[in-house]
């Protein structure tokens, strides 16, 4: 299948955003000093949060290679909790490489549906971006996120605003003024209030 130039450009943009989201998360991982500190995800401490994001990266190469979720699960290995910083760098690199090798208009089978690779990429970029802010808040690091990244993730989450809470993955949306910064509005959509400390 031949990709249209506009589609290719769009995919290239999201590949760049994927690298940027991983850079944002890596900066916060490097700042961790207390792995037991609480996070805005009330069920997780810092180690739990970082482990979650790493585990999501573990899946990427296997799913993009054409394996089903069940097949991919058998390929995953337990993480080394004693060195989550190293594990992040290892699996971040593997995922980033896999994204660049994948055809954006091919299909990937996820736990809930079979979708275009580009849709999975957008989902992953959005997840890592939101959790980069969570980790920043948890460790007292810089909380600002790249403006282009925030704007892109907004285009993913805003159309889903009526269903995010129902998915069970996010808390209830937080009311914020219409003129609040876009990052604040994005966080609010996912049940996060950047005005409230952890």
N, C-alpha and C. Protein backbone atom coordinates (compact mmCIF):
# COMPACT_ATOMS: atom_id res chain seq x y z
N UNK A 1 0.84 -1.19 0.00
CA UNK A 1 0.00 0.00 0.00
C UNK A 1 0.87 1.24 0.00
N UNK A 2 0.59 2.19 -0.86
CA UNK A 2 1.38 3.41 -0.95
C UNK A 2 0.81 4.47 -0.03
N UNK A 3 1.67 5.06 0.80
CA UNK A 3 1.21 6.09 1.72
C UNK A 3 1.07 7.41 0.99
N UNK A 4 0.02 8.16 1.32
CA UNK A 4 -0.13 9.50 0.78
C UNK A 4 0.84 10.43 1.51
N UNK A 5 1.38 11.46 0.82
CA UNK A 5 2.33 12.37 1.46
C UNK A 5 1.81 12.98 2.75
N UNK A 6 0.54 13.42 2.77
CA UNK A 6 0.00 14.04 3.97
C UNK A 6 -0.02 13.04 5.13
N UNK A 7 -0.38 11.78 4.81
CA UNK A 7 -0.41 10.74 5.83
C UNK A 7 1.00 10.46 6.34
N UNK A 8 1.95 10.43 5.43
CA UNK A 8 3.34 10.21 5.82
C UNK A 8 3.85 11.33 6.70
N UNK A 9 3.53 12.57 6.34
CA UNK A 9 3.95 13.71 7.15
C UNK A 9 3.35 13.64 8.54
N UNK A 10 2.08 13.24 8.61
CA UNK A 10 1.40 13.13 9.90
C UNK A 10 2.08 12.07 10.76
N UNK A 11 2.41 10.94 10.16
CA UNK A 11 3.08 9.87 10.90
C UNK A 11 4.46 10.33 11.36
N UNK A 12 5.17 11.05 10.50
CA UNK A 12 6.50 11.55 10.87
C UNK A 12 6.41 12.49 12.06
N UNK A 13 5.38 13.33 12.07
CA UNK A 13 5.18 14.24 13.20
C UNK A 13 4.98 13.46 14.49
N UNK A 14 4.17 12.42 14.44
CA UNK A 14 3.92 11.64 15.65
C UNK A 14 5.12 10.81 16.08
N UNK A 15 5.95 10.40 15.14
CA UNK A 15 7.20 9.73 15.52
C UNK A 15 8.12 10.69 16.27
N UNK A 16 8.15 11.92 15.80
CA UNK A 16 8.96 12.94 16.50
C UNK A 16 8.39 13.21 17.90
N UNK A 17 7.06 13.26 17.99
CA UNK A 17 6.42 13.48 19.28
C UNK A 17 6.64 12.31 20.23
N UNK A 18 6.71 11.11 19.67
CA UNK A 18 6.99 9.94 20.52
C UNK A 18 8.36 10.08 21.17
N UNK A 19 9.34 10.49 20.40
CA UNK A 19 10.68 10.67 20.96
C UNK A 19 10.68 11.78 22.01
N UNK A 20 9.92 12.82 21.74
CA UNK A 20 9.87 13.94 22.68
C UNK A 20 9.18 13.53 23.98
N UNK A 21 8.11 12.75 23.88
CA UNK A 21 7.43 12.27 25.09
C UNK A 21 8.37 11.40 25.92
N UNK A 22 9.14 10.57 25.26
CA UNK A 22 10.09 9.73 25.98
C UNK A 22 11.21 10.56 26.61
N UNK A 23 11.61 11.63 25.96
CA UNK A 23 12.60 12.53 26.56
C UNK A 23 12.04 13.19 27.81
N UNK A 24 10.77 13.61 27.72
CA UNK A 24 10.12 14.23 28.88
C UNK A 24 10.08 13.24 30.05
N UNK A 25 9.72 12.00 29.76
CA UNK A 25 9.63 11.01 30.83
C UNK A 25 11.01 10.67 31.38
N UNK A 26 11.98 10.53 30.48
CA UNK A 26 13.34 10.19 30.90
C UNK A 26 13.92 11.24 31.85
N UNK A 27 13.64 12.50 31.58
CA UNK A 27 14.12 13.58 32.44
C UNK A 27 13.58 13.42 33.86
N UNK A 28 12.31 13.04 33.96
CA UNK A 28 11.70 12.85 35.28
C UNK A 28 12.20 11.58 35.96
N UNK A 29 12.42 10.52 35.20
CA UNK A 29 12.96 9.29 35.78
C UNK A 29 14.34 9.57 36.39
N UNK A 30 15.13 10.37 35.71
CA UNK A 30 16.47 10.69 36.20
C UNK A 30 16.43 11.49 37.50
N UNK A 31 15.28 12.13 37.76
CA UNK A 31 15.16 12.98 38.95
C UNK A 31 14.62 12.23 40.17
N UNK A 32 14.29 10.95 40.00
CA UNK A 32 13.70 10.19 41.11
C UNK A 32 14.74 9.94 42.20
N UNK A 33 14.36 10.27 43.43
CA UNK A 33 15.20 9.93 44.59
C UNK A 33 14.45 9.06 45.59
N UNK A 34 13.12 9.12 45.54
CA UNK A 34 12.31 8.31 46.46
C UNK A 34 11.30 7.50 45.64
N UNK A 35 11.58 6.22 45.48
CA UNK A 35 10.72 5.37 44.66
C UNK A 35 9.40 5.04 45.34
N UNK A 36 9.30 5.35 46.62
CA UNK A 36 8.07 5.07 47.36
C UNK A 36 7.17 6.29 47.50
N UNK A 37 7.57 7.41 46.92
CA UNK A 37 6.79 8.65 47.03
C UNK A 37 5.44 8.48 46.34
N UNK A 38 4.41 9.17 46.84
CA UNK A 38 3.09 9.10 46.21
C UNK A 38 3.07 9.83 44.88
N UNK A 39 2.09 9.50 44.05
CA UNK A 39 1.93 10.16 42.75
C UNK A 39 0.48 10.62 42.60
N UNK A 40 0.18 11.43 41.59
CA UNK A 40 -1.23 11.80 41.35
C UNK A 40 -2.12 10.61 41.01
N UNK A 41 -1.53 9.50 40.56
CA UNK A 41 -2.28 8.25 40.39
C UNK A 41 -2.35 7.60 41.76
N UNK A 42 -3.46 7.79 42.46
CA UNK A 42 -3.51 7.48 43.88
C UNK A 42 -3.22 6.02 44.22
N UNK A 43 -3.38 5.11 43.25
CA UNK A 43 -3.10 3.70 43.53
C UNK A 43 -1.63 3.34 43.35
N UNK A 44 -0.83 4.29 42.87
CA UNK A 44 0.56 4.00 42.54
C UNK A 44 1.52 4.91 43.29
N UNK A 45 2.66 4.32 43.71
CA UNK A 45 3.78 5.16 44.12
C UNK A 45 4.67 5.37 42.90
N UNK A 46 5.81 6.04 43.09
CA UNK A 46 6.67 6.36 41.95
C UNK A 46 7.15 5.10 41.24
N UNK A 47 7.56 4.09 41.99
CA UNK A 47 8.03 2.85 41.36
C UNK A 47 6.92 2.20 40.54
N UNK A 48 5.69 2.19 41.07
CA UNK A 48 4.56 1.61 40.35
C UNK A 48 4.32 2.35 39.04
N UNK A 49 4.37 3.67 39.09
CA UNK A 49 4.12 4.50 37.91
C UNK A 49 5.17 4.24 36.84
N UNK A 50 6.43 4.26 37.24
CA UNK A 50 7.51 4.04 36.27
C UNK A 50 7.42 2.63 35.71
N UNK A 51 7.12 1.67 36.57
CA UNK A 51 7.00 0.29 36.12
C UNK A 51 5.87 0.16 35.08
N UNK A 52 4.77 0.83 35.31
CA UNK A 52 3.65 0.80 34.36
C UNK A 52 4.08 1.30 32.99
N UNK A 53 4.76 2.43 32.96
CA UNK A 53 5.15 3.01 31.68
C UNK A 53 6.18 2.13 30.98
N UNK A 54 7.10 1.55 31.73
CA UNK A 54 8.07 0.63 31.13
C UNK A 54 7.36 -0.58 30.55
N UNK A 55 6.44 -1.14 31.29
CA UNK A 55 5.73 -2.32 30.82
C UNK A 55 4.98 -2.04 29.52
N UNK A 56 4.41 -0.84 29.39
CA UNK A 56 3.75 -0.47 28.14
C UNK A 56 4.74 -0.47 26.97
N UNK A 57 5.98 -0.05 27.25
CA UNK A 57 7.00 -0.04 26.18
C UNK A 57 7.43 -1.47 25.83
N UNK A 58 7.41 -2.36 26.80
CA UNK A 58 7.77 -3.76 26.53
C UNK A 58 6.86 -4.37 25.46
N UNK A 59 5.60 -3.99 25.49
CA UNK A 59 4.64 -4.57 24.56
C UNK A 59 4.86 -4.11 23.12
N UNK A 60 5.34 -2.88 22.96
CA UNK A 60 5.34 -2.23 21.64
C UNK A 60 6.04 -3.05 20.55
N UNK A 61 7.30 -3.45 20.72
CA UNK A 61 7.96 -4.18 19.62
C UNK A 61 7.25 -5.48 19.25
N UNK A 62 6.74 -6.18 20.26
CA UNK A 62 6.09 -7.46 19.98
C UNK A 62 4.78 -7.26 19.24
N UNK A 63 3.97 -6.30 19.67
CA UNK A 63 2.69 -6.06 18.99
C UNK A 63 2.91 -5.53 17.58
N UNK A 64 3.89 -4.65 17.42
CA UNK A 64 4.15 -4.10 16.09
C UNK A 64 4.73 -5.16 15.15
N UNK A 65 5.30 -6.23 15.71
CA UNK A 65 5.85 -7.30 14.87
C UNK A 65 4.75 -8.23 14.36
N UNK A 66 3.51 -8.02 14.85
CA UNK A 66 2.39 -8.82 14.37
C UNK A 66 1.87 -9.84 15.36
N UNK A 67 2.47 -9.91 16.54
CA UNK A 67 1.99 -10.86 17.54
C UNK A 67 0.66 -10.39 18.12
N UNK A 68 -0.14 -11.33 18.55
CA UNK A 68 -1.36 -10.99 19.28
C UNK A 68 -0.98 -10.62 20.72
N UNK A 69 -1.87 -9.94 21.44
CA UNK A 69 -1.56 -9.65 22.84
C UNK A 69 -1.20 -10.90 23.65
N UNK A 70 -1.90 -11.99 23.39
CA UNK A 70 -1.61 -13.22 24.13
C UNK A 70 -0.20 -13.73 23.80
N UNK A 71 0.15 -13.69 22.53
CA UNK A 71 1.50 -14.12 22.13
C UNK A 71 2.56 -13.18 22.70
N UNK A 72 2.27 -11.89 22.66
CA UNK A 72 3.24 -10.90 23.15
C UNK A 72 3.48 -11.07 24.65
N UNK A 73 2.41 -11.36 25.38
CA UNK A 73 2.55 -11.50 26.83
C UNK A 73 3.59 -12.56 27.20
N UNK A 74 3.64 -13.63 26.43
CA UNK A 74 4.57 -14.71 26.73
C UNK A 74 6.02 -14.30 26.49
N UNK A 75 6.24 -13.20 25.76
CA UNK A 75 7.60 -12.74 25.46
C UNK A 75 8.12 -11.74 26.50
N UNK A 76 7.23 -11.22 27.34
CA UNK A 76 7.63 -10.20 28.31
C UNK A 76 8.44 -10.85 29.43
N UNK A 77 9.37 -10.09 29.96
CA UNK A 77 10.15 -10.59 31.09
C UNK A 77 9.93 -9.70 32.30
N UNK A 78 10.10 -10.25 33.51
CA UNK A 78 9.94 -9.43 34.71
C UNK A 78 10.96 -8.29 34.71
N UNK A 79 10.55 -7.13 35.21
CA UNK A 79 11.45 -5.99 35.28
C UNK A 79 12.36 -6.10 36.49
N UNK A 80 13.53 -5.51 36.38
CA UNK A 80 14.47 -5.44 37.49
C UNK A 80 14.11 -4.22 38.33
N UNK A 81 13.36 -4.44 39.41
CA UNK A 81 12.91 -3.33 40.23
C UNK A 81 14.06 -2.59 40.90
N UNK A 82 15.22 -3.21 40.96
CA UNK A 82 16.37 -2.57 41.59
C UNK A 82 17.01 -1.52 40.69
N UNK A 83 16.67 -1.53 39.41
CA UNK A 83 17.26 -0.57 38.48
C UNK A 83 16.25 -0.17 37.41
N UNK A 84 15.19 0.49 37.85
CA UNK A 84 14.14 0.88 36.91
C UNK A 84 14.61 1.96 35.94
N UNK A 85 15.59 2.75 36.35
CA UNK A 85 16.12 3.76 35.42
C UNK A 85 16.75 3.07 34.20
N UNK A 86 17.53 2.03 34.45
CA UNK A 86 18.13 1.28 33.33
C UNK A 86 17.05 0.60 32.49
N UNK A 87 16.06 0.02 33.16
CA UNK A 87 14.99 -0.66 32.45
C UNK A 87 14.23 0.32 31.56
N UNK A 88 14.01 1.52 32.05
CA UNK A 88 13.33 2.53 31.23
C UNK A 88 14.13 2.80 29.95
N UNK A 89 15.41 3.06 30.09
CA UNK A 89 16.22 3.38 28.91
C UNK A 89 16.26 2.21 27.92
N UNK A 90 16.33 1.01 28.44
CA UNK A 90 16.39 -0.18 27.59
C UNK A 90 15.11 -0.34 26.76
N UNK A 91 13.97 -0.29 27.43
CA UNK A 91 12.72 -0.54 26.73
C UNK A 91 12.20 0.69 25.98
N UNK A 92 12.60 1.87 26.42
CA UNK A 92 12.29 3.08 25.65
C UNK A 92 12.96 3.02 24.28
N UNK A 93 14.24 2.63 24.27
CA UNK A 93 14.97 2.52 23.01
C UNK A 93 14.36 1.46 22.11
N UNK A 94 14.00 0.32 22.70
CA UNK A 94 13.42 -0.77 21.91
C UNK A 94 12.09 -0.33 21.28
N UNK A 95 11.26 0.35 22.05
CA UNK A 95 9.97 0.81 21.54
C UNK A 95 10.17 1.86 20.45
N UNK A 96 11.06 2.82 20.69
CA UNK A 96 11.30 3.88 19.72
C UNK A 96 11.78 3.29 18.39
N UNK A 97 12.67 2.33 18.46
CA UNK A 97 13.16 1.67 17.25
C UNK A 97 12.03 0.97 16.52
N UNK A 98 11.18 0.29 17.27
CA UNK A 98 10.06 -0.44 16.66
C UNK A 98 9.08 0.51 15.98
N UNK A 99 8.83 1.65 16.59
CA UNK A 99 7.92 2.63 15.97
C UNK A 99 8.47 3.10 14.63
N UNK A 100 9.76 3.33 14.56
CA UNK A 100 10.36 3.82 13.32
C UNK A 100 10.38 2.74 12.23
N UNK A 101 10.39 1.49 12.64
CA UNK A 101 10.41 0.39 11.67
C UNK A 101 9.02 0.01 11.18
N UNK A 102 7.98 0.43 11.89
CA UNK A 102 6.61 0.01 11.56
C UNK A 102 6.00 0.89 10.48
N UNK A 103 5.18 0.30 9.65
CA UNK A 103 4.42 1.06 8.65
C UNK A 103 3.21 1.67 9.34
N UNK A 104 3.06 2.99 9.32
CA UNK A 104 2.00 3.65 10.09
C UNK A 104 0.59 3.27 9.68
N UNK A 105 0.42 2.82 8.42
CA UNK A 105 -0.93 2.47 7.97
C UNK A 105 -1.20 0.97 8.05
N UNK A 106 -0.25 0.21 8.61
CA UNK A 106 -0.51 -1.21 8.84
C UNK A 106 -1.36 -1.35 10.10
N UNK A 107 -1.80 -2.56 10.39
CA UNK A 107 -2.70 -2.78 11.52
C UNK A 107 -1.97 -3.49 12.66
N UNK A 108 -2.41 -3.20 13.88
CA UNK A 108 -1.85 -3.83 15.07
C UNK A 108 -3.01 -4.29 15.94
N UNK A 109 -2.90 -5.49 16.48
CA UNK A 109 -3.96 -6.04 17.32
C UNK A 109 -3.65 -5.72 18.79
N UNK A 110 -4.56 -4.98 19.41
CA UNK A 110 -4.44 -4.62 20.82
C UNK A 110 -5.45 -5.43 21.62
N UNK A 111 -5.49 -5.24 22.91
CA UNK A 111 -6.38 -6.04 23.75
C UNK A 111 -7.85 -5.77 23.46
N UNK A 112 -8.16 -4.57 22.95
CA UNK A 112 -9.55 -4.18 22.78
C UNK A 112 -10.00 -4.09 21.32
N UNK A 113 -9.04 -4.09 20.36
CA UNK A 113 -9.42 -3.93 18.97
C UNK A 113 -8.19 -4.08 18.09
N UNK A 114 -8.42 -4.14 16.78
CA UNK A 114 -7.34 -4.06 15.81
C UNK A 114 -7.40 -2.67 15.19
N UNK A 115 -6.30 -1.92 15.28
CA UNK A 115 -6.30 -0.51 14.88
C UNK A 115 -5.08 -0.22 14.01
N UNK A 116 -5.09 0.90 13.28
CA UNK A 116 -3.90 1.31 12.55
C UNK A 116 -2.75 1.59 13.51
N UNK A 117 -1.54 1.30 13.06
CA UNK A 117 -0.35 1.55 13.88
C UNK A 117 -0.31 3.00 14.36
N UNK A 118 -0.70 3.92 13.50
CA UNK A 118 -0.65 5.34 13.87
C UNK A 118 -1.57 5.63 15.06
N UNK A 119 -2.72 4.98 15.14
CA UNK A 119 -3.61 5.19 16.28
C UNK A 119 -2.98 4.67 17.57
N UNK A 120 -2.33 3.52 17.49
CA UNK A 120 -1.62 2.97 18.65
C UNK A 120 -0.49 3.91 19.06
N UNK A 121 0.21 4.47 18.09
CA UNK A 121 1.29 5.41 18.38
C UNK A 121 0.75 6.62 19.13
N UNK A 122 -0.34 7.19 18.65
CA UNK A 122 -0.94 8.36 19.31
C UNK A 122 -1.34 8.03 20.75
N UNK A 123 -1.91 6.85 20.93
CA UNK A 123 -2.32 6.40 22.27
C UNK A 123 -1.11 6.32 23.20
N UNK A 124 -0.03 5.75 22.70
CA UNK A 124 1.17 5.60 23.52
C UNK A 124 1.83 6.94 23.83
N UNK A 125 1.89 7.81 22.84
CA UNK A 125 2.46 9.15 23.08
C UNK A 125 1.65 9.86 24.16
N UNK A 126 0.35 9.75 24.09
CA UNK A 126 -0.52 10.42 25.06
C UNK A 126 -0.31 9.86 26.46
N UNK A 127 -0.21 8.55 26.56
CA UNK A 127 -0.03 7.91 27.86
C UNK A 127 1.29 8.33 28.50
N UNK A 128 2.36 8.28 27.74
CA UNK A 128 3.67 8.65 28.28
C UNK A 128 3.71 10.13 28.68
N UNK A 129 3.07 10.97 27.89
CA UNK A 129 3.06 12.40 28.18
C UNK A 129 2.35 12.70 29.50
N UNK A 130 1.17 12.14 29.67
CA UNK A 130 0.43 12.37 30.92
C UNK A 130 1.22 11.84 32.11
N UNK A 131 1.83 10.68 31.96
CA UNK A 131 2.58 10.11 33.08
C UNK A 131 3.90 10.85 33.33
N UNK A 132 4.42 11.53 32.33
CA UNK A 132 5.60 12.37 32.55
C UNK A 132 5.24 13.50 33.51
N UNK A 133 4.05 14.06 33.34
CA UNK A 133 3.61 15.10 34.29
C UNK A 133 3.38 14.48 35.67
N UNK A 134 2.73 13.32 35.74
CA UNK A 134 2.51 12.65 37.03
C UNK A 134 3.83 12.47 37.77
N UNK A 135 4.83 12.01 37.03
CA UNK A 135 6.12 11.74 37.66
C UNK A 135 6.80 13.04 38.09
N UNK A 136 6.66 14.06 37.28
CA UNK A 136 7.23 15.37 37.64
C UNK A 136 6.63 15.87 38.94
N UNK A 137 5.31 15.78 39.04
CA UNK A 137 4.63 16.22 40.26
C UNK A 137 5.08 15.39 41.46
N UNK A 138 5.25 14.09 41.25
CA UNK A 138 5.61 13.19 42.35
C UNK A 138 7.02 13.43 42.87
N UNK A 139 7.94 13.79 41.98
CA UNK A 139 9.35 13.92 42.40
C UNK A 139 9.78 15.37 42.56
N UNK A 140 8.86 16.31 42.34
CA UNK A 140 9.20 17.72 42.49
C UNK A 140 10.05 18.25 41.35
N UNK A 141 9.91 17.65 40.17
CA UNK A 141 10.68 18.10 39.00
C UNK A 141 9.88 19.13 38.21
N UNK A 142 10.49 19.68 37.18
CA UNK A 142 9.82 20.63 36.30
C UNK A 142 8.55 20.00 35.71
N UNK A 143 7.41 20.71 35.86
CA UNK A 143 6.14 20.14 35.43
C UNK A 143 5.70 20.57 34.04
N UNK A 144 6.33 21.58 33.47
CA UNK A 144 5.92 22.02 32.15
C UNK A 144 6.27 20.93 31.13
N UNK A 145 5.41 20.81 30.13
CA UNK A 145 5.58 19.83 29.06
C UNK A 145 5.67 20.59 27.74
N UNK A 146 6.46 20.10 26.82
CA UNK A 146 6.62 20.71 25.51
C UNK A 146 5.26 21.10 24.91
N UNK A 147 5.15 22.34 24.44
CA UNK A 147 3.86 22.87 23.96
C UNK A 147 3.30 22.07 22.79
N UNK A 148 4.15 21.68 21.84
CA UNK A 148 3.67 20.92 20.69
C UNK A 148 3.14 19.56 21.13
N UNK A 149 3.80 18.97 22.09
CA UNK A 149 3.38 17.68 22.61
C UNK A 149 2.03 17.80 23.30
N UNK A 150 1.87 18.82 24.12
CA UNK A 150 0.59 19.04 24.81
C UNK A 150 -0.54 19.24 23.81
N UNK A 151 -0.28 20.06 22.79
CA UNK A 151 -1.30 20.34 21.78
C UNK A 151 -1.70 19.07 21.03
N UNK A 152 -0.72 18.23 20.73
CA UNK A 152 -1.00 16.99 20.00
C UNK A 152 -1.81 16.02 20.86
N UNK A 153 -1.43 15.87 22.11
CA UNK A 153 -2.14 14.95 23.00
C UNK A 153 -3.56 15.45 23.26
N UNK A 154 -3.74 16.76 23.29
CA UNK A 154 -5.07 17.34 23.43
C UNK A 154 -5.99 16.86 22.31
N UNK A 155 -5.46 16.76 21.09
CA UNK A 155 -6.28 16.32 19.96
C UNK A 155 -6.69 14.87 20.09
N UNK A 156 -5.97 14.11 20.90
CA UNK A 156 -6.32 12.71 21.14
C UNK A 156 -7.38 12.59 22.23
N UNK A 157 -7.16 13.31 23.34
CA UNK A 157 -8.03 13.16 24.50
C UNK A 157 -9.32 13.98 24.44
N UNK A 158 -9.26 15.17 23.87
CA UNK A 158 -10.43 16.05 23.91
C UNK A 158 -11.65 15.42 23.23
N UNK A 159 -11.50 14.76 22.06
CA UNK A 159 -12.67 14.13 21.44
C UNK A 159 -13.23 12.96 22.27
N UNK A 160 -12.43 12.46 23.22
CA UNK A 160 -12.88 11.34 24.06
C UNK A 160 -13.38 11.79 25.43
N UNK A 161 -13.57 13.09 25.60
CA UNK A 161 -13.82 13.61 26.95
C UNK A 161 -15.05 13.00 27.62
N UNK A 162 -16.03 12.56 26.82
CA UNK A 162 -17.24 11.98 27.41
C UNK A 162 -17.03 10.53 27.83
N UNK A 163 -15.98 9.91 27.35
CA UNK A 163 -15.80 8.48 27.61
C UNK A 163 -14.56 8.15 28.44
N UNK A 164 -13.71 9.13 28.71
CA UNK A 164 -12.46 8.85 29.44
C UNK A 164 -12.74 8.26 30.82
N UNK A 165 -13.64 8.90 31.57
CA UNK A 165 -13.93 8.40 32.91
C UNK A 165 -14.57 7.03 32.85
N UNK A 166 -15.48 6.82 31.88
CA UNK A 166 -16.18 5.54 31.76
C UNK A 166 -15.23 4.40 31.43
N UNK A 167 -14.06 4.73 30.85
CA UNK A 167 -13.10 3.69 30.50
C UNK A 167 -12.50 3.02 31.73
N UNK A 168 -12.60 3.70 32.87
CA UNK A 168 -12.01 3.17 34.09
C UNK A 168 -10.53 3.46 34.23
N UNK A 169 -9.95 4.12 33.23
CA UNK A 169 -8.52 4.43 33.25
C UNK A 169 -8.23 5.80 33.83
N UNK A 170 -9.27 6.63 33.96
CA UNK A 170 -9.07 7.99 34.43
C UNK A 170 -10.11 8.36 35.48
N UNK A 171 -9.72 9.28 36.37
CA UNK A 171 -10.65 9.81 37.35
C UNK A 171 -11.60 10.79 36.67
N UNK A 172 -12.57 11.26 37.42
CA UNK A 172 -13.53 12.22 36.87
C UNK A 172 -12.82 13.49 36.42
N UNK A 173 -13.26 14.10 35.33
CA UNK A 173 -12.66 15.36 34.89
C UNK A 173 -12.73 16.42 35.98
N UNK A 174 -11.74 17.27 36.01
CA UNK A 174 -11.66 18.34 37.00
C UNK A 174 -12.11 19.64 36.34
N UNK A 175 -13.03 20.40 36.97
CA UNK A 175 -13.44 21.67 36.38
C UNK A 175 -12.28 22.67 36.37
N UNK A 176 -12.03 23.27 35.23
CA UNK A 176 -11.03 24.33 35.11
C UNK A 176 -11.60 25.42 34.21
N UNK A 177 -11.12 26.65 34.37
CA UNK A 177 -11.61 27.74 33.53
C UNK A 177 -11.28 27.50 32.06
N UNK A 178 -12.13 28.00 31.17
CA UNK A 178 -11.91 27.83 29.73
C UNK A 178 -10.63 28.49 29.27
N UNK A 179 -10.18 29.50 30.02
CA UNK A 179 -8.95 30.21 29.62
C UNK A 179 -7.72 29.70 30.35
N UNK A 180 -7.85 28.55 31.02
CA UNK A 180 -6.69 27.95 31.69
C UNK A 180 -5.69 27.50 30.64
N UNK A 181 -4.41 27.41 30.99
CA UNK A 181 -3.41 26.91 30.03
C UNK A 181 -3.82 25.54 29.50
N UNK A 182 -3.41 25.25 28.27
CA UNK A 182 -3.83 23.99 27.64
C UNK A 182 -3.36 22.78 28.45
N UNK A 183 -2.17 22.84 29.04
CA UNK A 183 -1.71 21.71 29.85
C UNK A 183 -2.66 21.48 31.01
N UNK A 184 -3.10 22.55 31.66
CA UNK A 184 -4.03 22.40 32.79
C UNK A 184 -5.34 21.79 32.33
N UNK A 185 -5.84 22.20 31.17
CA UNK A 185 -7.09 21.65 30.65
C UNK A 185 -6.92 20.18 30.24
N UNK A 186 -5.75 19.85 29.68
CA UNK A 186 -5.47 18.46 29.31
C UNK A 186 -5.43 17.58 30.55
N UNK A 187 -4.73 18.03 31.57
CA UNK A 187 -4.65 17.26 32.80
C UNK A 187 -6.04 17.10 33.43
N UNK A 188 -6.82 18.17 33.40
CA UNK A 188 -8.16 18.14 33.98
C UNK A 188 -9.04 17.11 33.29
N UNK A 189 -8.88 16.97 31.97
CA UNK A 189 -9.65 15.96 31.24
C UNK A 189 -9.41 14.56 31.78
N UNK A 190 -8.19 14.33 32.25
CA UNK A 190 -7.81 13.00 32.73
C UNK A 190 -7.90 12.90 34.26
N UNK A 191 -8.62 13.85 34.86
CA UNK A 191 -8.85 13.78 36.30
C UNK A 191 -7.73 14.30 37.17
N UNK A 192 -6.85 15.10 36.60
CA UNK A 192 -5.71 15.64 37.34
C UNK A 192 -5.89 17.13 37.55
N UNK A 193 -5.52 17.60 38.71
CA UNK A 193 -5.62 19.03 39.03
C UNK A 193 -4.21 19.53 39.35
N UNK A 194 -3.64 20.33 38.44
CA UNK A 194 -2.26 20.78 38.66
C UNK A 194 -2.18 21.88 39.72
N UNK A 195 -3.32 22.25 40.30
CA UNK A 195 -3.30 23.24 41.39
C UNK A 195 -3.21 22.58 42.76
N UNK A 196 -3.36 21.26 42.80
CA UNK A 196 -3.41 20.53 44.06
C UNK A 196 -2.17 19.66 44.21
N UNK A 197 -1.50 19.74 45.35
CA UNK A 197 -0.29 18.94 45.59
C UNK A 197 -0.67 17.48 45.80
N UNK A 198 0.30 16.61 45.55
CA UNK A 198 0.09 15.17 45.78
C UNK A 198 -0.08 14.91 47.26
